[in-house]
Amino acid sequence: MAATRFEIEKFNDETNFNLWQVRMMPILVQTGLKKVVTGK
């Protein structure tokens, strides 16, 4: 099984949280982790 890496900056006070969240959601969906994080 091959590991997949994504380059996305970590959330910090300078990054708009909503923008960070929008960038993270497709990655969570692709890796099958959205349900784990959102509970939906």
PDB file of N, CA and C in Angstrom:
ATOM      1  N   MET A   1       0.849  -1.183   0.000  1.00  0.00           N
ATOM      2  CA  MET A   1       0.000   0.000   0.000  1.00  0.00           C
ATOM      3  C   MET A   1       0.892   1.242   0.000  1.00  0.00           C
ATOM      4  N   ALA A   2       0.689   2.100  -0.949  1.00  0.00           N
ATOM      5  CA  ALA A   2       1.509   3.299  -1.080  1.00  0.00           C
ATOM      6  C   ALA A   2       0.953   4.428  -0.214  1.00  0.00           C
ATOM      7  N   ALA A   3       1.845   5.145   0.401  1.00  0.00           N
ATOM      8  CA  ALA A   3       1.447   6.299   1.208  1.00  0.00           C
ATOM      9  C   ALA A   3       1.266   7.509   0.297  1.00  0.00           C
ATOM     10  N   THR A   4       0.278   8.310   0.595  1.00  0.00           N
ATOM     11  CA  THR A   4       0.016   9.516  -0.172  1.00  0.00           C
ATOM     12  C   THR A   4       0.375  10.722   0.684  1.00  0.00           C
ATOM     13  N   ARG A   5       1.101  11.647   0.112  1.00  0.00           N
ATOM     14  CA  ARG A   5       1.498  12.856   0.837  1.00  0.00           C
ATOM     15  C   ARG A   5       0.831  14.067   0.202  1.00  0.00           C
ATOM     16  N   PHE A   6       0.404  14.971   1.040  1.00  0.00           N
ATOM     17  CA  PHE A   6      -0.173  16.230   0.591  1.00  0.00           C
ATOM     18  C   PHE A   6       0.591  17.361   1.244  1.00  0.00           C
ATOM     19  N   GLU A   7       0.910  18.366   0.475  1.00  0.00           N
ATOM     20  CA  GLU A   7       1.577  19.546   1.007  1.00  0.00           C
ATOM     21  C   GLU A   7       0.520  20.619   1.229  1.00  0.00           C
ATOM     22  N   ILE A   8       0.186  20.855   2.473  1.00  0.00           N
ATOM     23  CA  ILE A   8      -0.758  21.913   2.824  1.00  0.00           C
ATOM     24  C   ILE A   8      -0.277  22.527   4.123  1.00  0.00           C
ATOM     25  N   GLU A   9      -0.310  23.836   4.182  1.00  0.00           N
ATOM     26  CA  GLU A   9       0.224  24.499   5.360  1.00  0.00           C
ATOM     27  C   GLU A   9      -0.643  24.229   6.585  1.00  0.00           C
ATOM     28  N   LYS A  10      -0.005  24.169   7.733  1.00  0.00           N
ATOM     29  CA  LYS A  10      -0.725  23.970   8.984  1.00  0.00           C
ATOM     30  C   LYS A  10      -1.492  25.239   9.318  1.00  0.00           C
ATOM     31  N   PHE A  11      -2.611  25.061  10.007  1.00  0.00           N
ATOM     32  CA  PHE A  11      -3.404  26.216  10.419  1.00  0.00           C
ATOM     33  C   PHE A  11      -2.650  26.980  11.493  1.00  0.00           C
ATOM     34  N   ASN A  12      -2.593  28.293  11.337  1.00  0.00           N
ATOM     35  CA  ASN A  12      -2.032  29.163  12.371  1.00  0.00           C
ATOM     36  C   ASN A  12      -2.868  30.434  12.418  1.00  0.00           C
ATOM     37  N   ASP A  13      -2.528  31.336  13.288  1.00  0.00           N
ATOM     38  CA  ASP A  13      -3.330  32.552  13.455  1.00  0.00           C
ATOM     39  C   ASP A  13      -3.337  33.447  12.225  1.00  0.00           C
ATOM     40  N   GLU A  14      -2.374  33.293  11.346  1.00  0.00           N
ATOM     41  CA  GLU A  14      -2.300  34.138  10.163  1.00  0.00           C
ATOM     42  C   GLU A  14      -3.148  33.603   9.012  1.00  0.00           C
ATOM     43  N   THR A  15      -3.451  32.327   9.034  1.00  0.00           N
ATOM     44  CA  THR A  15      -4.233  31.702   7.976  1.00  0.00           C
ATOM     45  C   THR A  15      -5.717  31.767   8.339  1.00  0.00           C
ATOM     46  N   ASN A  16      -6.539  32.149   7.400  1.00  0.00           N
ATOM     47  CA  ASN A  16      -7.974  32.174   7.610  1.00  0.00           C
ATOM     48  C   ASN A  16      -8.447  30.742   7.820  1.00  0.00           C
ATOM     49  N   PHE A  17      -9.105  30.469   8.951  1.00  0.00           N
ATOM     50  CA  PHE A  17      -9.529  29.110   9.274  1.00  0.00           C
ATOM     51  C   PHE A  17     -10.470  28.542   8.222  1.00  0.00           C
ATOM     52  N   ASN A  18     -11.387  29.345   7.726  1.00  0.00           N
ATOM     53  CA  ASN A  18     -12.337  28.852   6.725  1.00  0.00           C
ATOM     54  C   ASN A  18     -11.633  28.411   5.448  1.00  0.00           C
ATOM     55  N   LEU A  19     -10.639  29.160   5.019  1.00  0.00           N
ATOM     56  CA  LEU A  19      -9.882  28.792   3.828  1.00  0.00           C
ATOM     57  C   LEU A  19      -9.110  27.500   4.071  1.00  0.00           C
ATOM     58  N   TRP A  20      -8.490  27.373   5.224  1.00  0.00           N
ATOM     59  CA  TRP A  20      -7.757  26.158   5.591  1.00  0.00           C
ATOM     60  C   TRP A  20      -8.700  24.955   5.591  1.00  0.00           C
ATOM     61  N   GLN A  21      -9.890  25.144   6.151  1.00  0.00           N
ATOM     62  CA  GLN A  21     -10.879  24.069   6.230  1.00  0.00           C
ATOM     63  C   GLN A  21     -11.320  23.631   4.827  1.00  0.00           C
ATOM     64  N   VAL A  22     -11.521  24.587   3.931  1.00  0.00           N
ATOM     65  CA  VAL A  22     -11.911  24.278   2.550  1.00  0.00           C
ATOM     66  C   VAL A  22     -10.811  23.495   1.849  1.00  0.00           C
ATOM     67  N   ARG A  23      -9.567  23.828   2.121  1.00  0.00           N
ATOM     68  CA  ARG A  23      -8.449  23.105   1.507  1.00  0.00           C
ATOM     69  C   ARG A  23      -8.307  21.695   2.063  1.00  0.00           C
ATOM     70  N   MET A  24      -8.631  21.496   3.317  1.00  0.00           N
ATOM     71  CA  MET A  24      -8.468  20.197   3.964  1.00  0.00           C
ATOM     72  C   MET A  24      -9.575  19.204   3.605  1.00  0.00           C
ATOM     73  N   MET A  25     -10.794  19.665   3.392  1.00  0.00           N
ATOM     74  CA  MET A  25     -11.928  18.763   3.195  1.00  0.00           C
ATOM     75  C   MET A  25     -11.743  17.806   2.018  1.00  0.00           C
ATOM     76  N   PRO A  26     -11.301  18.244   0.833  1.00  0.00           N
ATOM     77  CA  PRO A  26     -11.099  17.282  -0.264  1.00  0.00           C
ATOM     78  C   PRO A  26     -10.054  16.220   0.065  1.00  0.00           C
ATOM     79  N   ILE A  27      -9.048  16.593   0.826  1.00  0.00           N
ATOM     80  CA  ILE A  27      -8.025  15.625   1.222  1.00  0.00           C
ATOM     81  C   ILE A  27      -8.626  14.591   2.163  1.00  0.00           C
ATOM     82  N   LEU A  28      -9.445  15.035   3.099  1.00  0.00           N
ATOM     83  CA  LEU A  28     -10.095  14.102   4.020  1.00  0.00           C
ATOM     84  C   LEU A  28     -11.039  13.164   3.277  1.00  0.00           C
ATOM     85  N   VAL A  29     -11.760  13.686   2.298  1.00  0.00           N
ATOM     86  CA  VAL A  29     -12.673  12.858   1.503  1.00  0.00           C
ATOM     87  C   VAL A  29     -11.880  11.820   0.715  1.00  0.00           C
ATOM     88  N   GLN A  30     -10.806  12.249   0.074  1.00  0.00           N
ATOM     89  CA  GLN A  30     -10.001  11.354  -0.760  1.00  0.00           C
ATOM     90  C   GLN A  30      -9.366  10.235   0.058  1.00  0.00           C
ATOM     91  N   THR A  31      -8.964  10.533   1.276  1.00  0.00           N
ATOM     92  CA  THR A  31      -8.307   9.532   2.114  1.00  0.00           C
ATOM     93  C   THR A  31      -9.296   8.740   2.959  1.00  0.00           C
ATOM     94  N   GLY A  32     -10.578   9.073   2.862  1.00  0.00           N
ATOM     95  CA  GLY A  32     -11.599   8.343   3.602  1.00  0.00           C
ATOM     96  C   GLY A  32     -11.678   8.723   5.068  1.00  0.00           C
ATOM     97  N   LEU A  33     -11.185   9.891   5.424  1.00  0.00           N
ATOM     98  CA  LEU A  33     -11.161  10.305   6.823  1.00  0.00           C
ATOM     99  C   LEU A  33     -12.206  11.358   7.177  1.00  0.00           C
ATOM    100  N   LYS A  34     -12.985  11.809   6.209  1.00  0.00           N
ATOM    101  CA  LYS A  34     -13.979  12.851   6.492  1.00  0.00           C
ATOM    102  C   LYS A  34     -14.962  12.393   7.558  1.00  0.00           C
ATOM    103  N   LYS A  35     -15.442  11.168   7.447  1.00  0.00           N
ATOM    104  CA  LYS A  35     -16.416  10.660   8.409  1.00  0.00           C
ATOM    105  C   LYS A  35     -15.816  10.589   9.810  1.00  0.00           C
ATOM    106  N   VAL A  36     -14.549  10.245   9.900  1.00  0.00           N
ATOM    107  CA  VAL A  36     -13.878  10.159  11.196  1.00  0.00           C
ATOM    108  C   VAL A  36     -13.801  11.534  11.849  1.00  0.00           C
ATOM    109  N   VAL A  37     -13.498  12.549  11.055  1.00  0.00           N
ATOM    110  CA  VAL A  37     -13.313  13.893  11.593  1.00  0.00           C
ATOM    111  C   VAL A  37     -14.643  14.583  11.871  1.00  0.00           C
ATOM    112  N   THR A  38     -15.595  14.473  10.941  1.00  0.00           N
ATOM    113  CA  THR A  38     -16.859  15.202  11.078  1.00  0.00           C
ATOM    114  C   THR A  38     -17.932  14.416  11.810  1.00  0.00           C
ATOM    115  N   GLY A  39     -17.795  13.106  11.851  1.00  0.00           N
ATOM    116  CA  GLY A  39     -18.818  12.282  12.491  1.00  0.00           C
ATOM    117  C   GLY A  39     -20.046  12.088  11.619  1.00  0.00           C
ATOM    118  N   LYS A  40     -19.969  12.509  10.356  1.00  0.00           N
ATOM    119  CA  LYS A  40     -21.109  12.381   9.430  1.00  0.00           C
ATOM    120  C   LYS A  40     -20.783  11.379   8.352  1.00  0.00           C
TER     121      LYS A  40
END
